[in-house]
Amino acid sequence: MAFAAQFAGVYLNFNPTDAQSRSGKLAAFLAEGMDQQMWWDGFGKMAAVAIQPYDLQASDSRNAVISVAFQTGARRLMLSVPIYYSGDEGGRRFVVSGRPAILPAPAPADLPVLAKPETDDVAAGELRTQLSDFFKNYASGETSGLQRYVAPGKSVQSLGGAFVFKELKEVVVPVGGATREIQAVVVWEVPTGAAPPADPNATDPSAVAGTLVQAYHLTVEKQGDKWYVADIRGAGRVG
């Protein structure tokens, strides 16, 4: 699958000004006697990105068709690549064994609606202030500040200043006991890494700090009248 993805990175990117270079790169993947441009006539151009192995269908121990996902412009497509494997006696080598084919990518899956969980608004209110402070320190990497909100015996690695905390947008706390699995939606500010524009009314988007809204799943534990974070990870699907 890795061999097919490497091949796709060369095959799917072509331009008449780069035809000779492309031919030389393709030679590393092709069987002897194959057209060195893989039946491209030398006109037109194409650019592909986000090239990833997607599927493998083996017809026997030496032959397979590999599907590779890629993006070109606004389109998400698939490339089907026939591959031959020489086996141990042949040095464990691969070669493209026939013409590739571009196919449409599968449509997005139909996502079923989830029932809303029963929530504990009192606990959510208690957690909101503490989580805001937790996420400020989680973003900045202020170790001593962060540890005040982490459960005893646990450790949480911070983002080390990659983002700036802007807002705790939502906290969803299900009904439960002293330990809860909760969801938090956070707004991060993305630093530009550049000095502020001289004109405060400048409209260049690259000079303005952007924001990202992201969701987290946290395990929290209540000890006395305070909640502590025992674990943090990506939220997955939020109901």
C-alpha atoms as a PDB file:
ATOM      1  CA  MET A   1       0.000   0.000   0.000  1.00  0.00           C
ATOM      2  CA  ALA A   2       2.898   2.348   0.727  1.00  0.00           C
ATOM      3  CA  PHE A   3       4.436   1.537  -2.675  1.00  0.00           C
ATOM      4  CA  ALA A   4       1.129   2.342  -4.415  1.00  0.00           C
ATOM      5  CA  ALA A   5       0.784   5.626  -2.517  1.00  0.00           C
ATOM      6  CA  GLN A   6       4.325   6.661  -3.503  1.00  0.00           C
ATOM      7  CA  PHE A   7       3.545   5.830  -7.117  1.00  0.00           C
ATOM      8  CA  ALA A   8       0.310   7.845  -6.947  1.00  0.00           C
ATOM      9  CA  GLY A   9       2.226  10.881  -5.696  1.00  0.00           C
ATOM     10  CA  VAL A  10       4.169  10.897  -8.979  1.00  0.00           C
ATOM     11  CA  TYR A  11       1.470   9.639 -11.362  1.00  0.00           C
ATOM     12  CA  LEU A  12      -1.245  12.099 -10.278  1.00  0.00           C
ATOM     13  CA  ASN A  13       0.928  15.202 -10.571  1.00  0.00           C
ATOM     14  CA  PHE A  14       1.802  16.176 -14.131  1.00  0.00           C
ATOM     15  CA  ASN A  15       2.540  19.307 -16.124  1.00  0.00           C
ATOM     16  CA  PRO A  16       4.069  19.628 -19.621  1.00  0.00           C
ATOM     17  CA  THR A  17       6.967  21.653 -18.224  1.00  0.00           C
ATOM     18  CA  ASP A  18       7.850  18.770 -15.887  1.00  0.00           C
ATOM     19  CA  ALA A  19       7.181  15.823 -18.207  1.00  0.00           C
ATOM     20  CA  GLN A  20      10.783  14.597 -18.432  1.00  0.00           C
ATOM     21  CA  SER A  21      11.288  14.708 -14.675  1.00  0.00           C
ATOM     22  CA  ARG A  22       7.994  12.876 -14.103  1.00  0.00           C
ATOM     23  CA  SER A  23       9.010  10.151 -16.550  1.00  0.00           C
ATOM     24  CA  GLY A  24      12.273   9.605 -14.667  1.00  0.00           C
ATOM     25  CA  LYS A  25      10.459   9.341 -11.344  1.00  0.00           C
ATOM     26  CA  LEU A  26       7.861   6.919 -12.711  1.00  0.00           C
ATOM     27  CA  ALA A  27      10.568   4.560 -13.952  1.00  0.00           C
ATOM     28  CA  ALA A  28      11.205   3.440 -10.374  1.00  0.00           C
ATOM     29  CA  PHE A  29       7.682   1.963 -10.204  1.00  0.00           C
ATOM     30  CA  LEU A  30       7.026   0.521 -13.670  1.00  0.00           C
ATOM     31  CA  ALA A  31       7.506  -2.910 -15.215  1.00  0.00           C
ATOM     32  CA  GLU A  32       9.983  -3.164 -18.101  1.00  0.00           C
ATOM     33  CA  GLY A  33       8.501  -2.098 -21.416  1.00  0.00           C
ATOM     34  CA  MET A  34       5.744   0.071 -19.932  1.00  0.00           C
ATOM     35  CA  ASP A  35       5.050   3.539 -21.334  1.00  0.00           C
ATOM     36  CA  GLN A  36       7.290   5.823 -19.274  1.00  0.00           C
ATOM     37  CA  GLN A  37       4.551   8.471 -19.047  1.00  0.00           C
ATOM     38  CA  MET A  38       1.897   5.872 -18.131  1.00  0.00           C
ATOM     39  CA  TRP A  39      -0.172   6.756 -21.230  1.00  0.00           C
ATOM     40  CA  TRP A  40      -0.356  10.489 -20.535  1.00  0.00           C
ATOM     41  CA  ASP A  41      -0.137  12.377 -23.850  1.00  0.00           C
ATOM     42  CA  GLY A  42       1.931  15.270 -22.449  1.00  0.00           C
ATOM     43  CA  PHE A  43      -0.847  17.879 -22.479  1.00  0.00           C
ATOM     44  CA  GLY A  44      -2.859  19.380 -19.645  1.00  0.00           C
ATOM     45  CA  LYS A  45      -1.920  19.381 -15.991  1.00  0.00           C
ATOM     46  CA  MET A  46      -3.090  17.955 -12.702  1.00  0.00           C
ATOM     47  CA  ALA A  47      -2.097  18.330  -9.068  1.00  0.00           C
ATOM     48  CA  ALA A  48      -3.000  15.929  -6.262  1.00  0.00           C
ATOM     49  CA  VAL A  49      -2.510  16.223  -2.512  1.00  0.00           C
ATOM     50  CA  ALA A  50      -3.555  14.324   0.638  1.00  0.00           C
ATOM     51  CA  ILE A  51      -2.537  11.023  -0.984  1.00  0.00           C
ATOM     52  CA  GLN A  52      -3.190   8.080   1.368  1.00  0.00           C
ATOM     53  CA  PRO A  53      -3.508   4.273   1.019  1.00  0.00           C
ATOM     54  CA  TYR A  54      -7.171   3.315   1.374  1.00  0.00           C
ATOM     55  CA  ASP A  55      -7.830  -0.348   0.542  1.00  0.00           C
ATOM     56  CA  LEU A  56      -6.207  -3.550  -0.736  1.00  0.00           C
ATOM     57  CA  GLN A  57      -7.879  -6.313  -2.737  1.00  0.00           C
ATOM     58  CA  ALA A  58      -5.554  -9.302  -3.330  1.00  0.00           C
ATOM     59  CA  SER A  59      -6.382 -11.760  -6.123  1.00  0.00           C
ATOM     60  CA  ASP A  60      -3.596 -14.162  -5.036  1.00  0.00           C
ATOM     61  CA  SER A  61      -0.329 -14.122  -3.071  1.00  0.00           C
ATOM     62  CA  ARG A  62       1.429 -11.978  -5.710  1.00  0.00           C
ATOM     63  CA  ASN A  63      -1.205  -9.737  -7.272  1.00  0.00           C
ATOM     64  CA  ALA A  64      -3.357  -7.024  -5.736  1.00  0.00           C
ATOM     65  CA  VAL A  65      -5.235  -3.866  -6.610  1.00  0.00           C
ATOM     66  CA  ILE A  66      -4.539  -1.013  -4.198  1.00  0.00           C
ATOM     67  CA  SER A  67      -6.954   1.885  -3.779  1.00  0.00           C
ATOM     68  CA  VAL A  68      -5.366   5.238  -2.932  1.00  0.00           C
ATOM     69  CA  ALA A  69      -7.400   8.255  -1.804  1.00  0.00           C
ATOM     70  CA  PHE A  70      -6.385  11.726  -2.969  1.00  0.00           C
ATOM     71  CA  GLN A  71      -7.599  15.307  -3.312  1.00  0.00           C
ATOM     72  CA  THR A  72      -7.412  17.400  -6.475  1.00  0.00           C
ATOM     73  CA  GLY A  73      -8.916  20.854  -6.253  1.00  0.00           C
ATOM     74  CA  ALA A  74     -12.265  20.522  -4.483  1.00  0.00           C
ATOM     75  CA  ARG A  75     -12.656  16.856  -5.472  1.00  0.00           C
ATOM     76  CA  ARG A  76     -11.898  13.797  -3.375  1.00  0.00           C
ATOM     77  CA  LEU A  77     -11.172  10.803  -5.618  1.00  0.00           C
ATOM     78  CA  MET A  78      -9.618   7.335  -5.609  1.00  0.00           C
ATOM     79  CA  LEU A  79      -6.835   5.846  -7.729  1.00  0.00           C
ATOM     80  CA  SER A  80      -6.875   2.093  -8.346  1.00  0.00           C
ATOM     81  CA  VAL A  81      -3.340   0.719  -8.844  1.00  0.00           C
ATOM     82  CA  PRO A  82      -2.563  -2.895  -9.922  1.00  0.00           C
ATOM     83  CA  ILE A  83       0.548  -4.177  -8.123  1.00  0.00           C
ATOM     84  CA  TYR A  84       2.681  -7.319  -8.518  1.00  0.00           C
ATOM     85  CA  TYR A  85       4.797  -8.658  -5.631  1.00  0.00           C
ATOM     86  CA  SER A  86       7.847 -10.750  -6.507  1.00  0.00           C
ATOM     87  CA  GLY A  87       7.976 -12.709  -3.220  1.00  0.00           C
ATOM     88  CA  ASP A  88      10.949 -13.718  -1.114  1.00  0.00           C
ATOM     89  CA  GLU A  89      12.922 -15.359  -3.913  1.00  0.00           C
ATOM     90  CA  GLY A  90      12.604 -12.205  -5.986  1.00  0.00           C
ATOM     91  CA  GLY A  91      13.887  -9.916  -3.267  1.00  0.00           C
ATOM     92  CA  ARG A  92      10.471  -8.833  -1.893  1.00  0.00           C
ATOM     93  CA  ARG A  93       9.995  -6.257  -4.619  1.00  0.00           C
ATOM     94  CA  PHE A  94       6.908  -4.521  -6.027  1.00  0.00           C
ATOM     95  CA  VAL A  95       6.021  -3.149  -9.457  1.00  0.00           C
ATOM     96  CA  VAL A  96       3.007  -1.470 -11.051  1.00  0.00           C
ATOM     97  CA  SER A  97       1.622  -4.212 -13.263  1.00  0.00           C
ATOM     98  CA  GLY A  98      -0.985  -2.410 -15.373  1.00  0.00           C
ATOM     99  CA  ARG A  99      -2.886   0.788 -16.086  1.00  0.00           C
ATOM    100  CA  PRO A 100      -4.262   2.685 -13.067  1.00  0.00           C
ATOM    101  CA  ALA A 101      -7.870   3.913 -12.931  1.00  0.00           C
ATOM    102  CA  ILE A 102      -9.340   7.025 -11.293  1.00  0.00           C
ATOM    103  CA  LEU A 103     -12.639   6.383  -9.497  1.00  0.00           C
ATOM    104  CA  PRO A 104     -15.026   8.464  -7.393  1.00  0.00           C
ATOM    105  CA  ALA A 105     -14.426   8.371  -3.658  1.00  0.00           C
ATOM    106  CA  PRO A 106     -17.145   6.900  -1.441  1.00  0.00           C
ATOM    107  CA  ALA A 107     -19.782   9.405  -0.355  1.00  0.00           C
ATOM    108  CA  PRO A 108     -19.815  10.486   3.303  1.00  0.00           C
ATOM    109  CA  ALA A 109     -21.529   8.034   5.648  1.00  0.00           C
ATOM    110  CA  ASP A 110     -25.046   8.737   6.867  1.00  0.00           C
ATOM    111  CA  LEU A 111     -24.670   9.741  10.504  1.00  0.00           C
ATOM    112  CA  PRO A 112     -27.522   8.634  12.795  1.00  0.00           C
ATOM    113  CA  VAL A 113     -28.958  11.077  15.303  1.00  0.00           C
ATOM    114  CA  LEU A 114     -27.916  10.461  18.905  1.00  0.00           C
ATOM    115  CA  ALA A 115     -30.230  10.934  21.831  1.00  0.00           C
ATOM    116  CA  LYS A 116     -29.239  13.825  24.088  1.00  0.00           C
ATOM    117  CA  PRO A 117     -27.874  12.581  27.447  1.00  0.00           C
ATOM    118  CA  GLU A 118     -29.478  13.562  30.729  1.00  0.00           C
ATOM    119  CA  THR A 119     -27.316  16.387  32.051  1.00  0.00           C
ATOM    120  CA  ASP A 120     -26.368  17.742  35.464  1.00  0.00           C
ATOM    121  CA  ASP A 121     -26.569  21.530  35.183  1.00  0.00           C
ATOM    122  CA  VAL A 122     -25.444  22.075  38.781  1.00  0.00           C
ATOM    123  CA  ALA A 123     -22.202  20.138  38.254  1.00  0.00           C
ATOM    124  CA  ALA A 124     -21.716  21.887  34.901  1.00  0.00           C
ATOM    125  CA  GLY A 125     -21.936  25.246  36.664  1.00  0.00           C
ATOM    126  CA  GLU A 126     -19.396  24.129  39.265  1.00  0.00           C
ATOM    127  CA  LEU A 127     -17.034  22.883  36.560  1.00  0.00           C
ATOM    128  CA  ARG A 128     -17.235  25.858  34.202  1.00  0.00           C
ATOM    129  CA  THR A 129     -14.977  28.241  36.169  1.00  0.00           C
ATOM    130  CA  GLN A 130     -12.495  25.544  37.109  1.00  0.00           C
ATOM    131  CA  LEU A 131     -12.284  24.231  33.548  1.00  0.00           C
ATOM    132  CA  SER A 132     -11.741  27.726  32.162  1.00  0.00           C
ATOM    133  CA  ASP A 133      -8.702  28.072  34.424  1.00  0.00           C
ATOM    134  CA  PHE A 134      -7.593  24.537  33.580  1.00  0.00           C
ATOM    135  CA  PHE A 135      -7.697  25.210  29.828  1.00  0.00           C
ATOM    136  CA  LYS A 136      -5.838  28.536  30.203  1.00  0.00           C
ATOM    137  CA  ASN A 137      -2.938  26.682  31.808  1.00  0.00           C
ATOM    138  CA  TYR A 138      -3.332  23.668  29.504  1.00  0.00           C
ATOM    139  CA  ALA A 139      -2.787  25.994  26.538  1.00  0.00           C
ATOM    140  CA  SER A 140       0.030  28.074  27.998  1.00  0.00           C
ATOM    141  CA  GLY A 141       2.003  25.214  29.504  1.00  0.00           C
ATOM    142  CA  GLU A 142       2.143  26.845  32.942  1.00  0.00           C
ATOM    143  CA  THR A 143       2.954  23.644  34.849  1.00  0.00           C
ATOM    144  CA  SER A 144       2.307  24.824  38.406  1.00  0.00           C
ATOM    145  CA  GLY A 145      -0.985  26.461  37.434  1.00  0.00           C
ATOM    146  CA  LEU A 146      -2.102  23.411  35.482  1.00  0.00           C
ATOM    147  CA  GLN A 147      -1.313  20.996  38.294  1.00  0.00           C
ATOM    148  CA  ARG A 148      -3.754  22.797  40.619  1.00  0.00           C
ATOM    149  CA  TYR A 149      -6.592  21.437  38.482  1.00  0.00           C
ATOM    150  CA  VAL A 150      -5.220  17.912  37.918  1.00  0.00           C
ATOM    151  CA  ALA A 151      -6.290  15.036  40.145  1.00  0.00           C
ATOM    152  CA  PRO A 152      -3.689  13.894  42.699  1.00  0.00           C
ATOM    153  CA  GLY A 153      -1.490  11.147  41.288  1.00  0.00           C
ATOM    154  CA  LYS A 154      -2.366  12.076  37.690  1.00  0.00           C
ATOM    155  CA  SER A 155      -0.397  14.093  35.128  1.00  0.00           C
ATOM    156  CA  VAL A 156      -1.547  16.011  32.055  1.00  0.00           C
ATOM    157  CA  GLN A 157       0.781  17.173  29.300  1.00  0.00           C
ATOM    158  CA  SER A 158       0.033  20.724  28.112  1.00  0.00           C
ATOM    159  CA  LEU A 159      -0.021  22.299  24.650  1.00  0.00           C
ATOM    160  CA  GLY A 160       3.056  24.317  25.609  1.00  0.00           C
ATOM    161  CA  GLY A 161       1.917  27.688  24.239  1.00  0.00           C
ATOM    162  CA  ALA A 162       0.849  26.467  20.788  1.00  0.00           C
ATOM    163  CA  PHE A 163      -2.541  28.111  21.346  1.00  0.00           C
ATOM    164  CA  VAL A 164      -4.102  30.760  23.577  1.00  0.00           C
ATOM    165  CA  PHE A 165      -7.286  30.015  25.517  1.00  0.00           C
ATOM    166  CA  LYS A 166     -10.133  32.268  24.376  1.00  0.00           C
ATOM    167  CA  GLU A 167     -13.391  30.780  25.627  1.00  0.00           C
ATOM    168  CA  LEU A 168     -14.997  27.728  27.193  1.00  0.00           C
ATOM    169  CA  LYS A 169     -17.962  27.535  24.868  1.00  0.00           C
ATOM    170  CA  GLU A 170     -19.850  24.557  26.295  1.00  0.00           C
ATOM    171  CA  VAL A 171     -19.671  21.983  29.092  1.00  0.00           C
ATOM    172  CA  VAL A 172     -21.827  18.845  28.990  1.00  0.00           C
ATOM    173  CA  VAL A 173     -21.908  16.911  32.260  1.00  0.00           C
ATOM    174  CA  PRO A 174     -23.991  13.726  32.484  1.00  0.00           C
ATOM    175  CA  VAL A 175     -25.686  12.735  35.724  1.00  0.00           C
ATOM    176  CA  GLY A 176     -23.433  10.538  37.862  1.00  0.00           C
ATOM    177  CA  GLY A 177     -21.256  10.186  40.922  1.00  0.00           C
ATOM    178  CA  ALA A 178     -17.954  11.653  42.040  1.00  0.00           C
ATOM    179  CA  THR A 179     -16.245  10.592  38.795  1.00  0.00           C
ATOM    180  CA  ARG A 180     -17.754  11.789  35.511  1.00  0.00           C
ATOM    181  CA  GLU A 181     -16.960  11.516  31.813  1.00  0.00           C
ATOM    182  CA  ILE A 182     -17.725  14.983  30.418  1.00  0.00           C
ATOM    183  CA  GLN A 183     -17.457  16.963  27.182  1.00  0.00           C
ATOM    184  CA  ALA A 184     -15.994  20.456  26.829  1.00  0.00           C
ATOM    185  CA  VAL A 185     -16.047  22.660  23.742  1.00  0.00           C
ATOM    186  CA  VAL A 186     -13.145  25.130  23.728  1.00  0.00           C
ATOM    187  CA  VAL A 187     -12.278  28.101  21.522  1.00  0.00           C
ATOM    188  CA  TRP A 188      -8.527  28.447  20.924  1.00  0.00           C
ATOM    189  CA  GLU A 189      -6.855  31.535  19.530  1.00  0.00           C
ATOM    190  CA  VAL A 190      -4.203  30.674  16.948  1.00  0.00           C
ATOM    191  CA  PRO A 191      -1.165  32.973  17.232  1.00  0.00           C
ATOM    192  CA  THR A 192       0.036  34.534  13.967  1.00  0.00           C
ATOM    193  CA  GLY A 193       3.693  34.540  15.005  1.00  0.00           C
ATOM    194  CA  ALA A 194       4.026  38.043  13.546  1.00  0.00           C
ATOM    195  CA  ALA A 195       4.079  41.552  14.967  1.00  0.00           C
ATOM    196  CA  PRO A 196       0.706  43.353  15.086  1.00  0.00           C
ATOM    197  CA  PRO A 197      -0.044  45.361  11.911  1.00  0.00           C
ATOM    198  CA  ALA A 198       0.838  49.054  12.077  1.00  0.00           C
ATOM    199  CA  ASP A 199      -2.696  49.894  10.992  1.00  0.00           C
ATOM    200  CA  PRO A 200      -5.186  48.615  13.610  1.00  0.00           C
ATOM    201  CA  ASN A 201      -7.864  48.559  10.904  1.00  0.00           C
ATOM    202  CA  ALA A 202      -5.785  46.341   8.601  1.00  0.00           C
ATOM    203  CA  THR A 203      -7.846  43.596   6.966  1.00  0.00           C
ATOM    204  CA  ASP A 204      -5.078  41.161   5.960  1.00  0.00           C
ATOM    205  CA  PRO A 205      -6.381  37.845   7.403  1.00  0.00           C
ATOM    206  CA  SER A 206      -2.855  36.482   7.859  1.00  0.00           C
ATOM    207  CA  ALA A 207      -2.057  39.322  10.285  1.00  0.00           C
ATOM    208  CA  VAL A 208      -5.047  38.591  12.534  1.00  0.00           C
ATOM    209  CA  ALA A 209      -5.077  35.787  15.097  1.00  0.00           C
ATOM    210  CA  GLY A 210      -7.625  33.164  14.098  1.00  0.00           C
ATOM    211  CA  THR A 211      -9.709  30.824  16.227  1.00  0.00           C
ATOM    212  CA  LEU A 212     -10.404  27.093  16.286  1.00  0.00           C
ATOM    213  CA  VAL A 213     -13.362  25.496  18.052  1.00  0.00           C
ATOM    214  CA  GLN A 214     -12.519  22.007  19.336  1.00  0.00           C
ATOM    215  CA  ALA A 215     -14.153  19.376  21.545  1.00  0.00           C
ATOM    216  CA  TYR A 216     -12.545  17.435  24.390  1.00  0.00           C
ATOM    217  CA  HIS A 217     -13.532  14.447  26.521  1.00  0.00           C
ATOM    218  CA  LEU A 218     -12.402  14.743  30.129  1.00  0.00           C
ATOM    219  CA  THR A 219     -12.527  12.419  33.098  1.00  0.00           C
ATOM    220  CA  VAL A 220     -13.151  14.566  36.183  1.00  0.00           C
ATOM    221  CA  GLU A 221     -13.202  13.621  39.849  1.00  0.00           C
ATOM    222  CA  LYS A 222     -14.816  15.540  42.686  1.00  0.00           C
ATOM    223  CA  GLN A 223     -12.893  15.738  45.954  1.00  0.00           C
ATOM    224  CA  GLY A 224     -14.533  17.865  48.641  1.00  0.00           C
ATOM    225  CA  ASP A 225     -16.099  20.847  46.895  1.00  0.00           C
ATOM    226  CA  LYS A 226     -13.691  20.912  43.941  1.00  0.00           C
ATOM    227  CA  TRP A 227     -13.475  19.028  40.656  1.00  0.00           C
ATOM    228  CA  TYR A 228     -10.135  17.790  39.286  1.00  0.00           C
ATOM    229  CA  VAL A 229      -9.160  16.625  35.797  1.00  0.00           C
ATOM    230  CA  ALA A 230      -7.899  13.036  35.711  1.00  0.00           C
ATOM    231  CA  ASP A 231      -7.613  12.676  31.923  1.00  0.00           C
ATOM    232  CA  ILE A 232      -8.151  14.634  28.711  1.00  0.00           C
ATOM    233  CA  ARG A 233      -8.482  13.384  25.139  1.00  0.00           C
ATOM    234  CA  GLY A 234     -10.321  14.070  21.911  1.00  0.00           C
ATOM    235  CA  ALA A 235     -14.083  14.062  22.373  1.00  0.00           C
ATOM    236  CA  GLY A 236     -15.051  11.865  19.454  1.00  0.00           C
ATOM    237  CA  ARG A 237     -18.691  12.284  18.579  1.00  0.00           C
ATOM    238  CA  VAL A 238     -20.648  14.669  20.798  1.00  0.00           C
ATOM    239  CA  GLY A 239     -24.356  13.882  21.167  1.00  0.00           C
END
